[in-house]
Each structure stands twice: as structure tokens, then as C-alpha cells.
Amino acid sequence: MIDKQMVSGHRERLRKRYLKSGINGLQDYEIIELLLTYTVLRKDCKSIAKQLLLKYKNISNFFALDKNEFISNKNISERTYVLFRLIGDIIEKKLYNDISVQRIKLSNNKKLIQYLKYNLGSKKIEIFKVLFLNTQNELIKDENLFYGTLDKSAVHPREFIKKVLENDAKSVILVHNHPSGALKPSESDILITSKLKHLLEKLEIKLLDHIIVSPNGYFSFLEGGIL
């Protein structure tokens, strides 16, 4: 049986260590552990956190879990899911705000890549996102348009063009993720990019880049000389 005073003392020491040293003073499992202490009562959160990190490999994967997968873990409740989801949404909103208040650079844009990797990098299915930009390369909005492997059956050009016109975009950036972790564009990726670029050119709208993201990094069609 777990000693309640020992558990309480350990939690308090962990909180004080965080206040003193910040997040860099904690190991990855301790970050999860500290969050768990606010929703998991009278249990050893250290062992729970270590098991979760072992199962999901890293913190990003854990934050990216959908609700059913999240609460399927022992000792994890819907209340815990709400806490982690809220924190994840706050992080994503902050990253989005960082790119929405200034012109988007076309190469080596660290803030844009950080947002895209956080937003899509850990997803288990391929998602095709479009960033709609104005004449100043400022973000109008972004939207997930299609789901599934990028080919003619997954990406609908008519729907894509409709969204571009609805947002009065003067240029766009295409983005999709590779759940496998691979960053090299597939033949389908290259073909659909060429097709959409051709359609946009007819409307005098620029395709600025197509970016592939995964937990392992990113690949830019522009930087790679494909676009």
C-alpha cells in the first residue's frame, strides 16, 4: 500500500523543483508526472508517467492521442484528458499566433515549421492542410481539407480551388504529414503538387511551397528544388 504522506511529499518536492529550475530541470517522464498529480489522486504518478512514456515514446505522441486512446490507459480519466488537451490546445494556439501576426517567410521559417510539426507531425493518418495567404504573404487562415494518402481519390481539385477563392487567397502553401516518419515525397505527392500548381497558375495564384512534416523533421518542395 502506498504511503500517502510519502506520495504527498514527493509531489511537493517535484513542484518546487519545477518552480526553481523550470521545465528544463525535469526529465520527460517528470513533466507528465507533474501534470498527472493535478488529476490523479492518491496514486504513484511517477510509475504511471514512466509507463506512459515507455508506451508512447515521447511527450508529443502522448499529447496527440485522441480521447478514446488517452483514457484507455489505466488510471487515466476524462478529467486528465481535458487537462492535457487544454494544455496542448494552448501550445498550438500560441504557435499559430506566432505565424499569423507577421509575413510568412518562404525558407527556413522556424516558427512555421514548429507550428506545422506540432499541428500535424504526430497524427496517425495523412492530413492535407492549406495555408491561405494574402498579397503580403500574411496568413488569412489555414484549413485541413483532405484526409488519406495524397492521390487523385483523396485530393479533390475542385474543392481545393473553391476554398482558395472563398478565402480570396493570392498565394497558398500546401502541407501534409507522413505518419510513417519518412520525409521523402512520394510520386503521388509530386504529381498532385504539379497538378494543383497548374490549376492555381490559371487563376494567377501562387503556390509558394509544399511542406511535408513528420516527427522526424520536415521537407520543403521549394528548398528541395522540386517546386
C-alpha atoms as a PDB file:
ATOM      1  CA  MET A   1       0.000   0.000   0.000  1.00  0.00           C
ATOM      2  CA  ILE A   2       1.304   3.464  -0.939  1.00  0.00           C
ATOM      3  CA  ASP A   3       2.208   5.789   1.935  1.00  0.00           C
ATOM      4  CA  LYS A   4       0.044   8.902   1.429  1.00  0.00           C
ATOM      5  CA  GLN A   5       2.482  11.199   3.236  1.00  0.00           C
ATOM      6  CA  MET A   6       5.366   9.919   1.092  1.00  0.00           C
ATOM      7  CA  VAL A   7       3.366  10.490  -2.095  1.00  0.00           C
ATOM      8  CA  SER A   8       2.361  13.981  -0.953  1.00  0.00           C
ATOM      9  CA  GLY A   9       5.942  14.849  -0.052  1.00  0.00           C
ATOM     10  CA  HIS A  10       7.283  13.634  -3.395  1.00  0.00           C
ATOM     11  CA  ARG A  11       4.701  15.657  -5.293  1.00  0.00           C
ATOM     12  CA  GLU A  12       5.533  18.793  -3.351  1.00  0.00           C
ATOM     13  CA  ARG A  13       9.277  18.344  -3.998  1.00  0.00           C
ATOM     14  CA  LEU A  14       8.584  17.878  -7.714  1.00  0.00           C
ATOM     15  CA  ARG A  15       6.535  21.092  -7.839  1.00  0.00           C
ATOM     16  CA  LYS A  16       9.217  23.051  -6.009  1.00  0.00           C
ATOM     17  CA  ARG A  17      11.927  21.694  -8.338  1.00  0.00           C
ATOM     18  CA  TYR A  18       9.886  22.842 -11.324  1.00  0.00           C
ATOM     19  CA  LEU A  19       9.421  26.322  -9.820  1.00  0.00           C
ATOM     20  CA  LYS A  20      13.150  26.554  -9.191  1.00  0.00           C
ATOM     21  CA  SER A  21      14.549  25.062 -12.405  1.00  0.00           C
ATOM     22  CA  GLY A  22      11.699  25.297 -14.921  1.00  0.00           C
ATOM     23  CA  ILE A  23      10.785  22.622 -17.433  1.00  0.00           C
ATOM     24  CA  ASN A  24      14.425  22.053 -18.404  1.00  0.00           C
ATOM     25  CA  GLY A  25      15.063  20.862 -14.874  1.00  0.00           C
ATOM     26  CA  LEU A  26      12.662  17.938 -15.318  1.00  0.00           C
ATOM     27  CA  GLN A  27      13.004  14.708 -17.236  1.00  0.00           C
ATOM     28  CA  ASP A  28      10.290  13.924 -19.760  1.00  0.00           C
ATOM     29  CA  TYR A  29       8.503  11.446 -17.509  1.00  0.00           C
ATOM     30  CA  GLU A  30       8.579  14.019 -14.686  1.00  0.00           C
ATOM     31  CA  ILE A  31       6.744  16.556 -16.877  1.00  0.00           C
ATOM     32  CA  ILE A  32       3.942  14.036 -17.412  1.00  0.00           C
ATOM     33  CA  GLU A  33       4.097  13.060 -13.742  1.00  0.00           C
ATOM     34  CA  LEU A  34       3.724  16.659 -12.565  1.00  0.00           C
ATOM     35  CA  LEU A  35       0.649  17.161 -14.730  1.00  0.00           C
ATOM     36  CA  LEU A  36      -0.876  13.901 -13.528  1.00  0.00           C
ATOM     37  CA  THR A  37      -0.604  14.998  -9.901  1.00  0.00           C
ATOM     38  CA  TYR A  38      -3.399  17.522 -10.510  1.00  0.00           C
ATOM     39  CA  THR A  39      -5.958  14.922 -11.598  1.00  0.00           C
ATOM     40  CA  VAL A  40      -4.726  11.531 -10.338  1.00  0.00           C
ATOM     41  CA  LEU A  41      -5.169  11.425  -6.578  1.00  0.00           C
ATOM     42  CA  ARG A  42      -3.568   9.120  -4.016  1.00  0.00           C
ATOM     43  CA  LYS A  43      -1.606   7.141  -6.598  1.00  0.00           C
ATOM     44  CA  ASP A  44       2.051   6.880  -7.568  1.00  0.00           C
ATOM     45  CA  CYS A  45       2.109   9.212 -10.595  1.00  0.00           C
ATOM     46  CA  LYS A  46       5.804   8.577 -11.163  1.00  0.00           C
ATOM     47  CA  SER A  47       5.299   4.951 -12.165  1.00  0.00           C
ATOM     48  CA  ILE A  48       2.212   5.846 -14.253  1.00  0.00           C
ATOM     49  CA  ALA A  49       4.168   8.549 -16.111  1.00  0.00           C
ATOM     50  CA  LYS A  50       7.084   6.219 -16.824  1.00  0.00           C
ATOM     51  CA  GLN A  51       4.754   3.566 -18.221  1.00  0.00           C
ATOM     52  CA  LEU A  52       3.028   6.107 -20.451  1.00  0.00           C
ATOM     53  CA  LEU A  53       6.316   7.472 -21.780  1.00  0.00           C
ATOM     54  CA  LEU A  54       7.570   3.955 -22.465  1.00  0.00           C
ATOM     55  CA  LYS A  55       4.372   3.135 -24.349  1.00  0.00           C
ATOM     56  CA  TYR A  56       4.129   6.308 -26.439  1.00  0.00           C
ATOM     57  CA  LYS A  57       7.875   7.039 -26.897  1.00  0.00           C
ATOM     58  CA  ASN A  58       7.712  10.809 -26.334  1.00  0.00           C
ATOM     59  CA  ILE A  59       5.570  13.577 -24.853  1.00  0.00           C
ATOM     60  CA  SER A  60       4.386  14.838 -28.247  1.00  0.00           C
ATOM     61  CA  ASN A  61       2.837  11.472 -29.089  1.00  0.00           C
ATOM     62  CA  PHE A  62       1.052  11.429 -25.750  1.00  0.00           C
ATOM     63  CA  PHE A  63      -0.413  14.909 -26.269  1.00  0.00           C
ATOM     64  CA  ALA A  64      -1.572  13.914 -29.763  1.00  0.00           C
ATOM     65  CA  LEU A  65      -3.720  10.977 -28.601  1.00  0.00           C
ATOM     66  CA  ASP A  66      -7.421  11.102 -29.261  1.00  0.00           C
ATOM     67  CA  LYS A  67      -9.779  10.868 -26.296  1.00  0.00           C
ATOM     68  CA  ASN A  68     -10.574   7.157 -26.542  1.00  0.00           C
ATOM     69  CA  GLU A  69      -6.936   6.123 -26.771  1.00  0.00           C
ATOM     70  CA  PHE A  70      -5.962   8.522 -23.990  1.00  0.00           C
ATOM     71  CA  ILE A  71      -8.477   7.310 -21.413  1.00  0.00           C
ATOM     72  CA  SER A  72      -7.949   3.661 -22.345  1.00  0.00           C
ATOM     73  CA  ASN A  73      -4.819   3.787 -20.198  1.00  0.00           C
ATOM     74  CA  LYS A  74      -5.088   2.593 -16.625  1.00  0.00           C
ATOM     75  CA  ASN A  75      -5.559   5.369 -14.030  1.00  0.00           C
ATOM     76  CA  ILE A  76      -6.253   7.977 -16.739  1.00  0.00           C
ATOM     77  CA  SER A  77      -9.680   9.643 -16.608  1.00  0.00           C
ATOM     78  CA  GLU A  78     -11.605  12.062 -18.810  1.00  0.00           C
ATOM     79  CA  ARG A  79     -10.637  14.792 -16.354  1.00  0.00           C
ATOM     80  CA  THR A  80      -6.967  14.067 -17.050  1.00  0.00           C
ATOM     81  CA  TYR A  81      -7.638  14.115 -20.786  1.00  0.00           C
ATOM     82  CA  VAL A  82      -9.257  17.571 -20.504  1.00  0.00           C
ATOM     83  CA  LEU A  83      -6.180  18.932 -18.708  1.00  0.00           C
ATOM     84  CA  PHE A  84      -3.729  17.583 -21.283  1.00  0.00           C
ATOM     85  CA  ARG A  85      -5.948  18.569 -24.217  1.00  0.00           C
ATOM     86  CA  LEU A  86      -6.302  22.110 -22.865  1.00  0.00           C
ATOM     87  CA  ILE A  87      -2.539  22.486 -22.473  1.00  0.00           C
ATOM     88  CA  GLY A  88      -1.984  21.086 -25.956  1.00  0.00           C
ATOM     89  CA  ASP A  89      -4.519  23.496 -27.442  1.00  0.00           C
ATOM     90  CA  ILE A  90      -2.875  26.439 -25.655  1.00  0.00           C
ATOM     91  CA  ILE A  91       0.521  25.468 -27.099  1.00  0.00           C
ATOM     92  CA  GLU A  92      -0.934  25.102 -30.593  1.00  0.00           C
ATOM     93  CA  LYS A  93      -2.740  28.448 -30.340  1.00  0.00           C
ATOM     94  CA  LYS A  94       0.485  30.151 -29.264  1.00  0.00           C
ATOM     95  CA  LEU A  95       2.400  28.636 -32.201  1.00  0.00           C
ATOM     96  CA  TYR A  96      -0.401  29.645 -34.600  1.00  0.00           C
ATOM     97  CA  ASN A  97      -0.440  33.209 -33.269  1.00  0.00           C
ATOM     98  CA  ASP A  98       3.317  33.432 -33.842  1.00  0.00           C
ATOM     99  CA  ILE A  99       2.858  32.889 -37.584  1.00  0.00           C
ATOM    100  CA  SER A 100      -0.369  34.847 -38.008  1.00  0.00           C
ATOM    101  CA  VAL A 101       0.961  38.226 -36.913  1.00  0.00           C
ATOM    102  CA  GLN A 102       3.765  38.592 -39.461  1.00  0.00           C
ATOM    103  CA  ARG A 103       4.659  37.827 -43.053  1.00  0.00           C
ATOM    104  CA  ILE A 104       5.472  34.185 -43.665  1.00  0.00           C
ATOM    105  CA  LYS A 105       8.998  33.656 -44.940  1.00  0.00           C
ATOM    106  CA  LEU A 106       9.461  31.205 -47.777  1.00  0.00           C
ATOM    107  CA  SER A 107      12.519  29.398 -46.442  1.00  0.00           C
ATOM    108  CA  ASN A 108      13.940  28.447 -43.066  1.00  0.00           C
ATOM    109  CA  ASN A 109      10.839  29.674 -41.250  1.00  0.00           C
ATOM    110  CA  LYS A 110      11.330  28.049 -37.857  1.00  0.00           C
ATOM    111  CA  LYS A 111       8.073  29.317 -36.360  1.00  0.00           C
ATOM    112  CA  LEU A 112       6.024  27.996 -39.277  1.00  0.00           C
ATOM    113  CA  ILE A 113       7.711  24.594 -39.109  1.00  0.00           C
ATOM    114  CA  GLN A 114       7.218  24.425 -35.329  1.00  0.00           C
ATOM    115  CA  TYR A 115       3.511  25.074 -35.741  1.00  0.00           C
ATOM    116  CA  LEU A 116       3.083  22.567 -38.578  1.00  0.00           C
ATOM    117  CA  LYS A 117       5.038  19.836 -36.799  1.00  0.00           C
ATOM    118  CA  TYR A 118       3.020  20.314 -33.628  1.00  0.00           C
ATOM    119  CA  ASN A 119      -0.254  20.507 -35.527  1.00  0.00           C
ATOM    120  CA  LEU A 120       0.271  17.541 -37.873  1.00  0.00           C
ATOM    121  CA  GLY A 121       3.550  15.795 -37.073  1.00  0.00           C
ATOM    122  CA  SER A 122       2.153  13.171 -34.703  1.00  0.00           C
ATOM    123  CA  LYS A 123      -1.141  12.440 -36.469  1.00  0.00           C
ATOM    124  CA  LYS A 124      -1.781   8.787 -37.316  1.00  0.00           C
ATOM    125  CA  ILE A 125      -3.412   9.499 -40.697  1.00  0.00           C
ATOM    126  CA  GLU A 126      -2.293  11.738 -43.548  1.00  0.00           C
ATOM    127  CA  ILE A 127      -3.900  15.171 -43.464  1.00  0.00           C
ATOM    128  CA  PHE A 128      -3.717  17.698 -46.290  1.00  0.00           C
ATOM    129  CA  LYS A 129      -3.646  21.273 -44.980  1.00  0.00           C
ATOM    130  CA  VAL A 130      -3.691  24.533 -46.917  1.00  0.00           C
ATOM    131  CA  LEU A 131      -2.398  27.888 -45.687  1.00  0.00           C
ATOM    132  CA  PHE A 132      -4.203  30.753 -47.436  1.00  0.00           C
ATOM    133  CA  LEU A 133      -2.146  33.945 -47.762  1.00  0.00           C
ATOM    134  CA  ASN A 134      -2.782  37.498 -48.954  1.00  0.00           C
ATOM    135  CA  THR A 135      -0.622  39.626 -51.263  1.00  0.00           C
ATOM    136  CA  GLN A 136       1.750  40.399 -48.369  1.00  0.00           C
ATOM    137  CA  ASN A 137       2.268  36.710 -47.544  1.00  0.00           C
ATOM    138  CA  GLU A 138       0.262  37.206 -44.356  1.00  0.00           C
ATOM    139  CA  LEU A 139      -1.810  34.286 -43.141  1.00  0.00           C
ATOM    140  CA  ILE A 140      -5.549  34.614 -43.778  1.00  0.00           C
ATOM    141  CA  LYS A 141      -6.332  31.203 -42.279  1.00  0.00           C
ATOM    142  CA  ASP A 142      -5.340  27.568 -42.536  1.00  0.00           C
ATOM    143  CA  GLU A 143      -7.613  24.590 -43.006  1.00  0.00           C
ATOM    144  CA  ASN A 144      -7.404  20.807 -43.137  1.00  0.00           C
ATOM    145  CA  LEU A 145      -9.041  19.946 -46.457  1.00  0.00           C
ATOM    146  CA  PHE A 146      -8.443  16.269 -47.179  1.00  0.00           C
ATOM    147  CA  TYR A 147      -7.621  13.085 -45.310  1.00  0.00           C
ATOM    148  CA  GLY A 148      -5.796   9.999 -46.534  1.00  0.00           C
ATOM    149  CA  THR A 149      -2.875   9.226 -48.848  1.00  0.00           C
ATOM    150  CA  LEU A 150      -2.361  12.017 -51.373  1.00  0.00           C
ATOM    151  CA  ASP A 151      -3.664  10.770 -54.706  1.00  0.00           C
ATOM    152  CA  LYS A 152      -6.463  11.630 -57.093  1.00  0.00           C
ATOM    153  CA  SER A 153      -9.017   9.854 -54.901  1.00  0.00           C
ATOM    154  CA  ALA A 154      -8.101  11.797 -51.755  1.00  0.00           C
ATOM    155  CA  VAL A 155      -7.470  15.312 -53.065  1.00  0.00           C
ATOM    156  CA  HIS A 156     -10.344  16.945 -54.945  1.00  0.00           C
ATOM    157  CA  PRO A 157      -9.039  19.826 -57.104  1.00  0.00           C
ATOM    158  CA  ARG A 158     -12.469  21.434 -57.489  1.00  0.00           C
ATOM    159  CA  GLU A 159     -12.959  21.603 -53.716  1.00  0.00           C
ATOM    160  CA  PHE A 160      -9.406  22.906 -53.303  1.00  0.00           C
ATOM    161  CA  ILE A 161      -9.915  25.732 -55.806  1.00  0.00           C
ATOM    162  CA  LYS A 162     -13.289  26.561 -54.237  1.00  0.00           C
ATOM    163  CA  LYS A 163     -11.624  27.062 -50.847  1.00  0.00           C
ATOM    164  CA  VAL A 164      -8.836  29.183 -52.351  1.00  0.00           C
ATOM    165  CA  LEU A 165     -11.367  31.509 -53.974  1.00  0.00           C
ATOM    166  CA  GLU A 166     -13.618  31.645 -50.908  1.00  0.00           C
ATOM    167  CA  ASN A 167     -10.668  32.906 -48.854  1.00  0.00           C
ATOM    168  CA  ASP A 168      -9.596  35.380 -51.568  1.00  0.00           C
ATOM    169  CA  ALA A 169      -6.078  33.952 -51.330  1.00  0.00           C
ATOM    170  CA  LYS A 170      -3.329  35.373 -53.539  1.00  0.00           C
ATOM    171  CA  SER A 171      -0.931  32.566 -52.689  1.00  0.00           C
ATOM    172  CA  VAL A 172      -1.024  29.270 -50.819  1.00  0.00           C
ATOM    173  CA  ILE A 173       1.245  26.834 -49.032  1.00  0.00           C
ATOM    174  CA  LEU A 174       0.353  23.146 -49.136  1.00  0.00           C
ATOM    175  CA  VAL A 175       1.172  20.940 -46.159  1.00  0.00           C
ATOM    176  CA  HIS A 176       0.710  17.294 -45.351  1.00  0.00           C
ATOM    177  CA  ASN A 177       2.135  14.831 -42.867  1.00  0.00           C
ATOM    178  CA  HIS A 178       3.752  11.420 -43.219  1.00  0.00           C
ATOM    179  CA  PRO A 179       2.726   9.247 -40.240  1.00  0.00           C
ATOM    180  CA  SER A 180       5.442   6.735 -41.225  1.00  0.00           C
ATOM    181  CA  GLY A 181       8.085   9.326 -40.365  1.00  0.00           C
ATOM    182  CA  ALA A 182       9.514   9.376 -43.889  1.00  0.00           C
ATOM    183  CA  LEU A 183      10.220  12.801 -45.335  1.00  0.00           C
ATOM    184  CA  LYS A 184      10.925  11.973 -48.987  1.00  0.00           C
ATOM    185  CA  PRO A 185       7.969  12.990 -51.188  1.00  0.00           C
ATOM    186  CA  SER A 186       6.215  10.122 -52.940  1.00  0.00           C
ATOM    187  CA  GLU A 187       5.418  10.072 -56.646  1.00  0.00           C
ATOM    188  CA  SER A 188       1.791  10.870 -55.748  1.00  0.00           C
ATOM    189  CA  ASP A 189       2.944  13.853 -53.658  1.00  0.00           C
ATOM    190  CA  ILE A 190       4.877  15.248 -56.609  1.00  0.00           C
ATOM    191  CA  LEU A 191       2.081  14.627 -59.124  1.00  0.00           C
ATOM    192  CA  ILE A 192      -0.671  16.243 -57.050  1.00  0.00           C
ATOM    193  CA  THR A 193       1.583  19.224 -56.317  1.00  0.00           C
ATOM    194  CA  SER A 194       2.226  19.732 -60.027  1.00  0.00           C
ATOM    195  CA  LYS A 195      -1.480  19.432 -60.832  1.00  0.00           C
ATOM    196  CA  LEU A 196      -2.561  21.942 -58.177  1.00  0.00           C
ATOM    197  CA  LYS A 197       0.197  24.356 -59.153  1.00  0.00           C
ATOM    198  CA  HIS A 198      -1.006  24.267 -62.769  1.00  0.00           C
ATOM    199  CA  LEU A 199      -4.607  24.995 -61.701  1.00  0.00           C
ATOM    200  CA  LEU A 200      -3.504  27.885 -59.493  1.00  0.00           C
ATOM    201  CA  GLU A 201      -1.409  29.434 -62.247  1.00  0.00           C
ATOM    202  CA  LYS A 202      -4.523  29.690 -64.427  1.00  0.00           C
ATOM    203  CA  LEU A 203      -6.045  31.847 -61.689  1.00  0.00           C
ATOM    204  CA  GLU A 204      -2.833  33.872 -61.205  1.00  0.00           C
ATOM    205  CA  ILE A 205      -2.445  32.484 -57.697  1.00  0.00           C
ATOM    206  CA  LYS A 206       0.988  31.427 -56.494  1.00  0.00           C
ATOM    207  CA  LEU A 207       1.882  28.084 -54.951  1.00  0.00           C
ATOM    208  CA  LEU A 208       4.679  29.139 -52.613  1.00  0.00           C
ATOM    209  CA  ASP A 209       5.629  25.762 -51.185  1.00  0.00           C
ATOM    210  CA  HIS A 210       4.532  22.265 -50.294  1.00  0.00           C
ATOM    211  CA  ILE A 211       5.811  21.101 -46.923  1.00  0.00           C
ATOM    212  CA  ILE A 212       5.875  17.547 -45.601  1.00  0.00           C
ATOM    213  CA  VAL A 213       6.118  17.146 -41.823  1.00  0.00           C
ATOM    214  CA  SER A 214       6.664  14.175 -39.535  1.00  0.00           C
ATOM    215  CA  PRO A 215       8.044  13.633 -36.027  1.00  0.00           C
ATOM    216  CA  ASN A 216      11.458  13.321 -37.722  1.00  0.00           C
ATOM    217  CA  GLY A 217      11.508  16.762 -39.323  1.00  0.00           C
ATOM    218  CA  TYR A 218      10.249  18.386 -42.497  1.00  0.00           C
ATOM    219  CA  PHE A 219      10.785  18.545 -46.241  1.00  0.00           C
ATOM    220  CA  SER A 220      10.160  21.661 -48.330  1.00  0.00           C
ATOM    221  CA  PHE A 221       9.468  21.296 -52.062  1.00  0.00           C
ATOM    222  CA  LEU A 222      10.798  24.832 -52.519  1.00  0.00           C
ATOM    223  CA  GLU A 223      14.022  24.230 -50.606  1.00  0.00           C
ATOM    224  CA  GLY A 224      14.395  20.831 -52.278  1.00  0.00           C
ATOM    225  CA  GLY A 225      14.240  22.386 -55.736  1.00  0.00           C
ATOM    226  CA  ILE A 226      11.104  20.462 -56.772  1.00  0.00           C
ATOM    227  CA  LEU A 227       8.756  23.429 -56.946  1.00  0.00           C
END
